[in-house]
Amino acid sequence: MAGQRGRVTAEMRAALGEMAKKLTLWHTPTFRPIFTHDELEPIMAAAGFVPLPVKEAAPPLSGGGGAAAWREYAYRAAAAPEEMMPRPRLPYPRIDGLHQMAYKAFLVAIEFYLGVHHVSNLFHVRTMSLTKAQDRAVDRTYRPMRECEMEEEGIFVYRDGTLDDFTKMICNKDEEDGSISINGIFCFPETIELKVEMVALHEKKLRKCLSKVKGIEKVEVEASIPKVVVTGYAHRNKILKALRRVGLRAEFWSPQNEILSANASGSLMVNNFSFL
């Protein structure tokens, strides 16, 4: 019986590792994920922030998990006394796999100095799958992210010990006064349906074209309709421009396209009746 329970537990761990996703901070201009402060510091320096000494974690409470160390950044051009100004901060040394609130508090602090448009042009947060190389022992190091804004997107986890009371306070205060908005910085995969005028020989050309567009994760082609389904983070207009640049006429798929496609194949739905 004990052996069977062990097998079930192992299977549950494996399933969690396959289904769960983590959040990661990305550098918008280069479209690359940022995993550590070593990667983050040059970007912050270019934006006017200097790293402060790492604040070591407090000793873990009896029976509780250990807390993370934190690194803060100070804005060089701050006019007010330093202790009165917000400081962007993230756990140290890794900054991937954090709670949604940790990224929000970090971005809210940057937005205080740079403004919302500059922040979205500098950073955004997107989902990533867990990997064995970076996320070993998922069940011991990660916790489910409950009561967050992304529950409909799937199972999200965050590294244990990387969410503290100060971060929660910053996020709660931001929600109460409504003074800062970071909508659009948290990104999730989007499915875009397109109508592309092409012949069979154009499919290879289309796939090659879309493979060069940053953010596209999957391309499905229904050449007989002709319909192309693109999944990923790339902006819709950027996809259209890329296709038109190589001579492929494309537009967003509409309900009228469904009717025309059904009519062309000999099956037309009118008022819920099928005419074959």
C-alpha atoms as a PDB file:
ATOM      1  CA  MET A   1       0.000   0.000   0.000  1.00  0.00           C
ATOM      2  CA  ALA A   2       2.814   2.379   0.914  1.00  0.00           C
ATOM      3  CA  GLY A   3       4.538   1.623  -2.377  1.00  0.00           C
ATOM      4  CA  GLN A   4       1.346   2.383  -4.284  1.00  0.00           C
ATOM      5  CA  ARG A   5       0.943   5.723  -2.478  1.00  0.00           C
ATOM      6  CA  GLY A   6       4.540   6.551  -3.363  1.00  0.00           C
ATOM      7  CA  ARG A   7       3.887   5.840  -7.034  1.00  0.00           C
ATOM      8  CA  VAL A   8       0.746   7.989  -7.001  1.00  0.00           C
ATOM      9  CA  THR A   9       2.633  10.843  -5.346  1.00  0.00           C
ATOM     10  CA  ALA A  10       5.427  10.581  -7.905  1.00  0.00           C
ATOM     11  CA  GLU A  11       2.878  10.639 -10.728  1.00  0.00           C
ATOM     12  CA  MET A  12       1.208  13.724  -9.227  1.00  0.00           C
ATOM     13  CA  ARG A  13       4.574  15.483  -9.009  1.00  0.00           C
ATOM     14  CA  ALA A  14       5.333  14.648 -12.625  1.00  0.00           C
ATOM     15  CA  ALA A  15       1.892  15.892 -13.705  1.00  0.00           C
ATOM     16  CA  LEU A  16       2.384  19.139 -11.770  1.00  0.00           C
ATOM     17  CA  GLY A  17       5.741  19.674 -13.454  1.00  0.00           C
ATOM     18  CA  GLU A  18       4.177  19.181 -16.892  1.00  0.00           C
ATOM     19  CA  MET A  19       1.045  21.301 -16.397  1.00  0.00           C
ATOM     20  CA  ALA A  20       2.219  24.097 -14.105  1.00  0.00           C
ATOM     21  CA  LYS A  21       3.693  27.316 -15.427  1.00  0.00           C
ATOM     22  CA  LYS A  22       5.715  30.102 -13.871  1.00  0.00           C
ATOM     23  CA  LEU A  23       5.910  33.825 -14.507  1.00  0.00           C
ATOM     24  CA  THR A  24       9.099  35.443 -15.771  1.00  0.00           C
ATOM     25  CA  LEU A  25      10.226  39.025 -16.312  1.00  0.00           C
ATOM     26  CA  TRP A  26      11.130  39.718 -19.965  1.00  0.00           C
ATOM     27  CA  HIS A  27      13.183  42.499 -21.538  1.00  0.00           C
ATOM     28  CA  THR A  28      10.794  43.953 -24.122  1.00  0.00           C
ATOM     29  CA  PRO A  29      13.329  45.426 -26.624  1.00  0.00           C
ATOM     30  CA  THR A  30      15.268  42.146 -26.993  1.00  0.00           C
ATOM     31  CA  PHE A  31      12.331  39.818 -26.242  1.00  0.00           C
ATOM     32  CA  ARG A  32      14.446  37.760 -23.831  1.00  0.00           C
ATOM     33  CA  PRO A  33      13.634  36.380 -20.377  1.00  0.00           C
ATOM     34  CA  ILE A  34      15.590  37.670 -17.372  1.00  0.00           C
ATOM     35  CA  PHE A  35      16.466  35.006 -14.809  1.00  0.00           C
ATOM     36  CA  THR A  36      18.951  36.656 -12.423  1.00  0.00           C
ATOM     37  CA  HIS A  37      20.006  40.046 -11.080  1.00  0.00           C
ATOM     38  CA  ASP A  38      23.251  39.723 -13.057  1.00  0.00           C
ATOM     39  CA  GLU A  39      21.120  39.941 -16.213  1.00  0.00           C
ATOM     40  CA  LEU A  40      18.820  42.608 -14.763  1.00  0.00           C
ATOM     41  CA  GLU A  41      21.424  45.069 -13.451  1.00  0.00           C
ATOM     42  CA  PRO A  42      22.722  46.371 -16.841  1.00  0.00           C
ATOM     43  CA  ILE A  43      19.135  47.007 -17.968  1.00  0.00           C
ATOM     44  CA  MET A  44      18.303  48.835 -14.751  1.00  0.00           C
ATOM     45  CA  ALA A  45      21.538  50.856 -14.976  1.00  0.00           C
ATOM     46  CA  ALA A  46      20.628  52.023 -18.479  1.00  0.00           C
ATOM     47  CA  ALA A  47      17.239  53.157 -17.118  1.00  0.00           C
ATOM     48  CA  GLY A  48      18.863  55.180 -14.317  1.00  0.00           C
ATOM     49  CA  PHE A  49      18.819  52.731 -11.392  1.00  0.00           C
ATOM     50  CA  VAL A  50      21.746  51.521  -9.285  1.00  0.00           C
ATOM     51  CA  PRO A  51      21.750  48.241  -7.310  1.00  0.00           C
ATOM     52  CA  LEU A  52      21.954  48.420  -3.524  1.00  0.00           C
ATOM     53  CA  PRO A  53      23.622  45.815  -1.282  1.00  0.00           C
ATOM     54  CA  VAL A  54      21.677  42.579  -0.954  1.00  0.00           C
ATOM     55  CA  LYS A  55      19.463  42.377   2.125  1.00  0.00           C
ATOM     56  CA  GLU A  56      20.000  38.942   3.587  1.00  0.00           C
ATOM     57  CA  ALA A  57      17.004  36.796   4.424  1.00  0.00           C
ATOM     58  CA  ALA A  58      15.756  36.594   7.978  1.00  0.00           C
ATOM     59  CA  PRO A  59      16.301  33.227   9.723  1.00  0.00           C
ATOM     60  CA  PRO A  60      13.415  30.818   8.940  1.00  0.00           C
ATOM     61  CA  LEU A  61      10.772  30.334  11.591  1.00  0.00           C
ATOM     62  CA  SER A  62      10.531  26.938  13.249  1.00  0.00           C
ATOM     63  CA  GLY A  63       8.774  24.558  10.897  1.00  0.00           C
ATOM     64  CA  GLY A  64       8.530  27.153   8.116  1.00  0.00           C
ATOM     65  CA  GLY A  65      10.268  27.579   4.797  1.00  0.00           C
ATOM     66  CA  GLY A  66      13.231  29.889   4.445  1.00  0.00           C
ATOM     67  CA  ALA A  67      12.673  33.419   3.185  1.00  0.00           C
ATOM     68  CA  ALA A  68      14.579  34.848   0.229  1.00  0.00           C
ATOM     69  CA  ALA A  69      17.220  37.559   0.226  1.00  0.00           C
ATOM     70  CA  TRP A  70      16.235  40.754  -1.629  1.00  0.00           C
ATOM     71  CA  ARG A  71      17.997  43.309  -3.805  1.00  0.00           C
ATOM     72  CA  GLU A  72      16.707  46.871  -4.138  1.00  0.00           C
ATOM     73  CA  TYR A  73      17.470  49.495  -6.779  1.00  0.00           C
ATOM     74  CA  ALA A  74      17.726  53.248  -6.177  1.00  0.00           C
ATOM     75  CA  TYR A  75      16.927  55.860  -8.828  1.00  0.00           C
ATOM     76  CA  ARG A  76      19.929  58.125  -9.435  1.00  0.00           C
ATOM     77  CA  ALA A  77      17.885  61.222 -10.335  1.00  0.00           C
ATOM     78  CA  ALA A  78      15.489  61.035  -7.376  1.00  0.00           C
ATOM     79  CA  ALA A  79      14.837  64.540  -6.003  1.00  0.00           C
ATOM     80  CA  ALA A  80      13.354  63.608  -2.624  1.00  0.00           C
ATOM     81  CA  PRO A  81      15.313  61.984   0.211  1.00  0.00           C
ATOM     82  CA  GLU A  82      16.083  58.396  -0.679  1.00  0.00           C
ATOM     83  CA  GLU A  83      14.226  56.852   2.255  1.00  0.00           C
ATOM     84  CA  MET A  84      10.962  58.537   1.154  1.00  0.00           C
ATOM     85  CA  MET A  85      10.995  57.139  -2.385  1.00  0.00           C
ATOM     86  CA  PRO A  86       9.822  53.696  -3.535  1.00  0.00           C
ATOM     87  CA  ARG A  87      12.532  51.262  -4.539  1.00  0.00           C
ATOM     88  CA  PRO A  88      12.152  48.492  -7.109  1.00  0.00           C
ATOM     89  CA  ARG A  89      13.024  45.220  -5.386  1.00  0.00           C
ATOM     90  CA  LEU A  90      13.090  41.523  -6.259  1.00  0.00           C
ATOM     91  CA  PRO A  91      14.280  38.344  -4.521  1.00  0.00           C
ATOM     92  CA  TYR A  92      17.974  37.512  -4.908  1.00  0.00           C
ATOM     93  CA  PRO A  93      19.637  35.945  -6.885  1.00  0.00           C
ATOM     94  CA  ARG A  94      16.934  34.410  -9.125  1.00  0.00           C
ATOM     95  CA  ILE A  95      14.035  36.560 -10.319  1.00  0.00           C
ATOM     96  CA  ASP A  96      12.057  33.983 -12.320  1.00  0.00           C
ATOM     97  CA  GLY A  97       9.140  31.980 -10.937  1.00  0.00           C
ATOM     98  CA  LEU A  98       7.923  34.717  -8.592  1.00  0.00           C
ATOM     99  CA  HIS A  99       4.394  35.511  -7.456  1.00  0.00           C
ATOM    100  CA  GLN A 100       2.376  37.888  -9.617  1.00  0.00           C
ATOM    101  CA  MET A 101       2.404  40.435  -6.779  1.00  0.00           C
ATOM    102  CA  ALA A 102       6.222  40.450  -6.633  1.00  0.00           C
ATOM    103  CA  TYR A 103       6.423  41.514 -10.279  1.00  0.00           C
ATOM    104  CA  LYS A 104       3.609  44.033  -9.829  1.00  0.00           C
ATOM    105  CA  ALA A 105       5.322  45.715  -6.886  1.00  0.00           C
ATOM    106  CA  PHE A 106       8.612  45.851  -8.826  1.00  0.00           C
ATOM    107  CA  LEU A 107       7.001  47.386 -11.918  1.00  0.00           C
ATOM    108  CA  VAL A 108       4.884  49.820  -9.887  1.00  0.00           C
ATOM    109  CA  ALA A 109       8.055  51.188  -8.259  1.00  0.00           C
ATOM    110  CA  ILE A 110       9.750  51.649 -11.648  1.00  0.00           C
ATOM    111  CA  GLU A 111       6.620  53.284 -13.049  1.00  0.00           C
ATOM    112  CA  PHE A 112       6.776  55.869 -10.257  1.00  0.00           C
ATOM    113  CA  TYR A 113       9.961  57.261 -11.854  1.00  0.00           C
ATOM    114  CA  LEU A 114       9.643  56.430 -15.560  1.00  0.00           C
ATOM    115  CA  GLY A 115       5.900  56.401 -16.276  1.00  0.00           C
ATOM    116  CA  VAL A 116       3.700  53.573 -17.502  1.00  0.00           C
ATOM    117  CA  HIS A 117       4.621  53.801 -21.199  1.00  0.00           C
ATOM    118  CA  HIS A 118       8.353  53.609 -20.538  1.00  0.00           C
ATOM    119  CA  VAL A 119       7.867  50.614 -18.247  1.00  0.00           C
ATOM    120  CA  SER A 120       5.916  48.611 -20.832  1.00  0.00           C
ATOM    121  CA  ASN A 121       8.582  49.431 -23.416  1.00  0.00           C
ATOM    122  CA  LEU A 122      11.241  48.138 -21.030  1.00  0.00           C
ATOM    123  CA  PHE A 123       9.709  45.120 -19.273  1.00  0.00           C
ATOM    124  CA  HIS A 124       6.777  42.779 -19.476  1.00  0.00           C
ATOM    125  CA  VAL A 125       5.831  39.555 -17.687  1.00  0.00           C
ATOM    126  CA  ARG A 126       4.859  36.368 -19.467  1.00  0.00           C
ATOM    127  CA  THR A 127       4.357  32.708 -18.700  1.00  0.00           C
ATOM    128  CA  MET A 128       6.956  29.980 -19.158  1.00  0.00           C
ATOM    129  CA  SER A 129       6.883  26.223 -18.712  1.00  0.00           C
ATOM    130  CA  LEU A 130       8.878  24.706 -15.876  1.00  0.00           C
ATOM    131  CA  THR A 131      12.119  22.979 -16.870  1.00  0.00           C
ATOM    132  CA  LYS A 132      14.094  20.259 -15.105  1.00  0.00           C
ATOM    133  CA  ALA A 133      17.309  22.252 -15.432  1.00  0.00           C
ATOM    134  CA  GLN A 134      15.947  25.348 -13.665  1.00  0.00           C
ATOM    135  CA  ASP A 135      13.024  24.085 -11.617  1.00  0.00           C
ATOM    136  CA  ARG A 136      13.990  20.845  -9.900  1.00  0.00           C
ATOM    137  CA  ALA A 137      11.893  19.477  -7.040  1.00  0.00           C
ATOM    138  CA  VAL A 138       8.809  21.402  -8.148  1.00  0.00           C
ATOM    139  CA  ASP A 139       6.667  20.097  -5.302  1.00  0.00           C
ATOM    140  CA  ARG A 140       9.163  21.241  -2.646  1.00  0.00           C
ATOM    141  CA  THR A 141      10.282  24.613  -4.011  1.00  0.00           C
ATOM    142  CA  TYR A 142       7.069  25.915  -5.603  1.00  0.00           C
ATOM    143  CA  ARG A 143       3.651  26.798  -4.239  1.00  0.00           C
ATOM    144  CA  PRO A 144       0.334  27.184  -6.125  1.00  0.00           C
ATOM    145  CA  MET A 145      -0.537  30.800  -6.912  1.00  0.00           C
ATOM    146  CA  ARG A 146      -4.041  31.098  -5.474  1.00  0.00           C
ATOM    147  CA  GLU A 147      -6.571  33.923  -5.777  1.00  0.00           C
ATOM    148  CA  CYS A 148      -4.674  35.601  -8.588  1.00  0.00           C
ATOM    149  CA  GLU A 149      -5.929  37.212 -11.787  1.00  0.00           C
ATOM    150  CA  MET A 150      -4.732  34.342 -13.981  1.00  0.00           C
ATOM    151  CA  GLU A 151      -6.631  31.320 -12.677  1.00  0.00           C
ATOM    152  CA  GLU A 152      -8.470  30.889 -15.978  1.00  0.00           C
ATOM    153  CA  GLU A 153      -5.136  30.698 -17.835  1.00  0.00           C
ATOM    154  CA  GLY A 154      -4.025  27.475 -16.112  1.00  0.00           C
ATOM    155  CA  ILE A 155      -2.013  26.312 -13.093  1.00  0.00           C
ATOM    156  CA  PHE A 156       0.580  28.845 -11.949  1.00  0.00           C
ATOM    157  CA  VAL A 157       3.191  28.330  -9.258  1.00  0.00           C
ATOM    158  CA  TYR A 158       5.757  30.546  -7.540  1.00  0.00           C
ATOM    159  CA  ARG A 159       8.930  29.839  -5.573  1.00  0.00           C
ATOM    160  CA  ASP A 160       8.321  29.412  -1.882  1.00  0.00           C
ATOM    161  CA  GLY A 161       9.659  32.217   0.323  1.00  0.00           C
ATOM    162  CA  THR A 162       9.670  34.909  -2.382  1.00  0.00           C
ATOM    163  CA  LEU A 163       6.439  36.690  -1.375  1.00  0.00           C
ATOM    164  CA  ASP A 164       6.683  38.854   1.738  1.00  0.00           C
ATOM    165  CA  ASP A 165       4.305  41.146   3.630  1.00  0.00           C
ATOM    166  CA  PHE A 166       5.928  44.308   2.250  1.00  0.00           C
ATOM    167  CA  THR A 167       5.201  43.205  -1.330  1.00  0.00           C
ATOM    168  CA  LYS A 168       1.586  42.433  -0.430  1.00  0.00           C
ATOM    169  CA  MET A 169       1.240  45.849   1.208  1.00  0.00           C
ATOM    170  CA  ILE A 170       2.519  47.650  -1.917  1.00  0.00           C
ATOM    171  CA  CYS A 171       0.105  45.773  -4.190  1.00  0.00           C
ATOM    172  CA  ASN A 172      -2.866  46.294  -1.869  1.00  0.00           C
ATOM    173  CA  LYS A 173      -2.148  50.019  -1.588  1.00  0.00           C
ATOM    174  CA  ASP A 174      -1.894  50.307  -5.369  1.00  0.00           C
ATOM    175  CA  GLU A 175      -5.283  48.613  -5.795  1.00  0.00           C
ATOM    176  CA  GLU A 176      -6.897  50.861  -3.177  1.00  0.00           C
ATOM    177  CA  ASP A 177      -5.790  54.248  -4.533  1.00  0.00           C
ATOM    178  CA  GLY A 178      -5.868  53.227  -8.204  1.00  0.00           C
ATOM    179  CA  SER A 179      -3.083  55.694  -8.942  1.00  0.00           C
ATOM    180  CA  ILE A 180      -0.903  53.317 -10.923  1.00  0.00           C
ATOM    181  CA  SER A 181      -1.932  50.989 -13.725  1.00  0.00           C
ATOM    182  CA  ILE A 182       0.259  48.330 -15.314  1.00  0.00           C
ATOM    183  CA  ASN A 183      -2.327  46.795 -17.623  1.00  0.00           C
ATOM    184  CA  GLY A 184      -0.751  45.204 -20.668  1.00  0.00           C
ATOM    185  CA  ILE A 185       2.528  44.320 -18.961  1.00  0.00           C
ATOM    186  CA  PHE A 186       1.313  40.834 -18.040  1.00  0.00           C
ATOM    187  CA  CYS A 187       1.049  38.862 -21.281  1.00  0.00           C
ATOM    188  CA  PHE A 188      -0.588  35.545 -22.119  1.00  0.00           C
ATOM    189  CA  PRO A 189      -0.630  33.533 -25.355  1.00  0.00           C
ATOM    190  CA  GLU A 190      -3.228  34.718 -27.865  1.00  0.00           C
ATOM    191  CA  THR A 191      -4.755  32.782 -30.748  1.00  0.00           C
ATOM    192  CA  ILE A 192      -5.132  34.829 -33.934  1.00  0.00           C
ATOM    193  CA  GLU A 193      -7.103  33.567 -36.945  1.00  0.00           C
ATOM    194  CA  LEU A 194      -6.168  34.914 -40.368  1.00  0.00           C
ATOM    195  CA  LYS A 195      -7.400  34.562 -43.916  1.00  0.00           C
ATOM    196  CA  VAL A 196      -4.390  34.319 -46.223  1.00  0.00           C
ATOM    197  CA  GLU A 197      -4.725  34.139 -49.994  1.00  0.00           C
ATOM    198  CA  MET A 198      -2.251  31.496 -51.072  1.00  0.00           C
ATOM    199  CA  VAL A 199      -1.760  28.372 -53.136  1.00  0.00           C
ATOM    200  CA  ALA A 200      -0.233  25.127 -51.899  1.00  0.00           C
ATOM    201  CA  LEU A 201       3.273  26.271 -52.773  1.00  0.00           C
ATOM    202  CA  HIS A 202       2.889  29.297 -50.496  1.00  0.00           C
ATOM    203  CA  GLU A 203       2.581  27.311 -47.236  1.00  0.00           C
ATOM    204  CA  LYS A 204       6.344  26.829 -46.928  1.00  0.00           C
ATOM    205  CA  LYS A 205       6.838  30.519 -47.674  1.00  0.00           C
ATOM    206  CA  LEU A 206       4.256  31.447 -45.034  1.00  0.00           C
ATOM    207  CA  ARG A 207       5.793  29.259 -42.332  1.00  0.00           C
ATOM    208  CA  LYS A 208       9.280  30.581 -43.060  1.00  0.00           C
ATOM    209  CA  CYS A 209       7.995  34.154 -42.847  1.00  0.00           C
ATOM    210  CA  LEU A 210       6.198  33.655 -39.523  1.00  0.00           C
ATOM    211  CA  SER A 211       9.151  31.776 -38.013  1.00  0.00           C
ATOM    212  CA  LYS A 212      11.051  35.077 -38.083  1.00  0.00           C
ATOM    213  CA  VAL A 213       8.382  36.986 -36.122  1.00  0.00           C
ATOM    214  CA  LYS A 214       9.317  37.160 -32.441  1.00  0.00           C
ATOM    215  CA  GLY A 215       6.681  35.815 -30.078  1.00  0.00           C
ATOM    216  CA  ILE A 216       4.986  33.288 -32.374  1.00  0.00           C
ATOM    217  CA  GLU A 217       4.881  29.840 -30.781  1.00  0.00           C
ATOM    218  CA  LYS A 218       2.665  27.820 -33.137  1.00  0.00           C
ATOM    219  CA  VAL A 219       1.347  28.085 -36.701  1.00  0.00           C
ATOM    220  CA  GLU A 220      -1.491  25.927 -38.081  1.00  0.00           C
ATOM    221  CA  VAL A 221      -2.412  26.108 -41.775  1.00  0.00           C
ATOM    222  CA  GLU A 222      -5.714  25.002 -43.317  1.00  0.00           C
ATOM    223  CA  ALA A 223      -4.751  25.600 -46.930  1.00  0.00           C
ATOM    224  CA  SER A 224      -8.071  24.423 -48.396  1.00  0.00           C
ATOM    225  CA  ILE A 225     -10.074  27.237 -46.730  1.00  0.00           C
ATOM    226  CA  PRO A 226      -7.476  29.127 -46.654  1.00  0.00           C
ATOM    227  CA  LYS A 227      -7.107  29.772 -42.923  1.00  0.00           C
ATOM    228  CA  VAL A 228      -4.040  30.283 -40.729  1.00  0.00           C
ATOM    229  CA  VAL A 229      -4.159  30.045 -36.927  1.00  0.00           C
ATOM    230  CA  VAL A 230      -1.255  31.691 -35.093  1.00  0.00           C
ATOM    231  CA  THR A 231      -0.658  31.215 -31.361  1.00  0.00           C
ATOM    232  CA  GLY A 232       1.774  33.315 -29.347  1.00  0.00           C
ATOM    233  CA  TYR A 233       2.548  36.786 -28.046  1.00  0.00           C
ATOM    234  CA  ALA A 234       3.259  38.643 -31.292  1.00  0.00           C
ATOM    235  CA  HIS A 235       1.182  41.742 -32.046  1.00  0.00           C
ATOM    236  CA  ARG A 236      -1.544  41.196 -34.666  1.00  0.00           C
ATOM    237  CA  ASN A 237      -0.465  44.042 -36.919  1.00  0.00           C
ATOM    238  CA  LYS A 238       3.143  42.851 -36.834  1.00  0.00           C
ATOM    239  CA  ILE A 239       2.002  39.464 -38.176  1.00  0.00           C
ATOM    240  CA  LEU A 240       0.006  41.062 -41.000  1.00  0.00           C
ATOM    241  CA  LYS A 241       2.925  43.298 -41.990  1.00  0.00           C
ATOM    242  CA  ALA A 242       5.308  40.341 -42.065  1.00  0.00           C
ATOM    243  CA  LEU A 243       3.023  38.382 -44.410  1.00  0.00           C
ATOM    244  CA  ARG A 244       2.381  41.337 -46.699  1.00  0.00           C
ATOM    245  CA  ARG A 245       6.115  42.040 -46.844  1.00  0.00           C
ATOM    246  CA  VAL A 246       6.644  38.705 -48.617  1.00  0.00           C
ATOM    247  CA  GLY A 247       3.694  39.210 -50.963  1.00  0.00           C
ATOM    248  CA  LEU A 248       0.995  37.251 -49.101  1.00  0.00           C
ATOM    249  CA  ARG A 249      -2.369  39.007 -48.833  1.00  0.00           C
ATOM    250  CA  ALA A 250      -3.736  38.551 -45.314  1.00  0.00           C
ATOM    251  CA  GLU A 251      -6.616  39.816 -43.181  1.00  0.00           C
ATOM    252  CA  PHE A 252      -8.192  38.886 -39.874  1.00  0.00           C
ATOM    253  CA  TRP A 253     -10.617  35.973 -40.068  1.00  0.00           C
ATOM    254  CA  SER A 254     -14.281  36.978 -39.822  1.00  0.00           C
ATOM    255  CA  PRO A 255     -17.611  35.099 -39.516  1.00  0.00           C
ATOM    256  CA  GLN A 256     -18.260  35.902 -43.177  1.00  0.00           C
ATOM    257  CA  ASN A 257     -15.178  33.871 -44.080  1.00  0.00           C
ATOM    258  CA  GLU A 258     -16.765  30.847 -42.378  1.00  0.00           C
ATOM    259  CA  ILE A 259     -19.877  31.181 -44.573  1.00  0.00           C
ATOM    260  CA  LEU A 260     -17.843  31.601 -47.742  1.00  0.00           C
ATOM    261  CA  SER A 261     -15.673  28.604 -46.859  1.00  0.00           C
ATOM    262  CA  ALA A 262     -18.698  26.408 -46.173  1.00  0.00           C
ATOM    263  CA  ASN A 263     -20.313  27.547 -49.417  1.00  0.00           C
ATOM    264  CA  ALA A 264     -17.175  26.721 -51.371  1.00  0.00           C
ATOM    265  CA  SER A 265     -17.056  23.206 -49.903  1.00  0.00           C
ATOM    266  CA  GLY A 266     -20.723  22.538 -50.730  1.00  0.00           C
ATOM    267  CA  SER A 267     -22.111  22.864 -47.212  1.00  0.00           C
ATOM    268  CA  LEU A 268     -23.876  26.074 -46.176  1.00  0.00           C
ATOM    269  CA  MET A 269     -25.548  26.773 -42.824  1.00  0.00           C
ATOM    270  CA  VAL A 270     -28.534  29.145 -42.996  1.00  0.00           C
ATOM    271  CA  ASN A 271     -30.764  29.748 -39.975  1.00  0.00           C
ATOM    272  CA  ASN A 272     -29.373  26.612 -38.277  1.00  0.00           C
ATOM    273  CA  PHE A 273     -30.253  24.399 -41.280  1.00  0.00           C
ATOM    274  CA  SER A 274     -27.552  22.590 -43.211  1.00  0.00           C
ATOM    275  CA  PHE A 275     -27.821  22.495 -47.009  1.00  0.00           C
ATOM    276  CA  LEU A 276     -25.622  19.770 -48.511  1.00  0.00           C
END
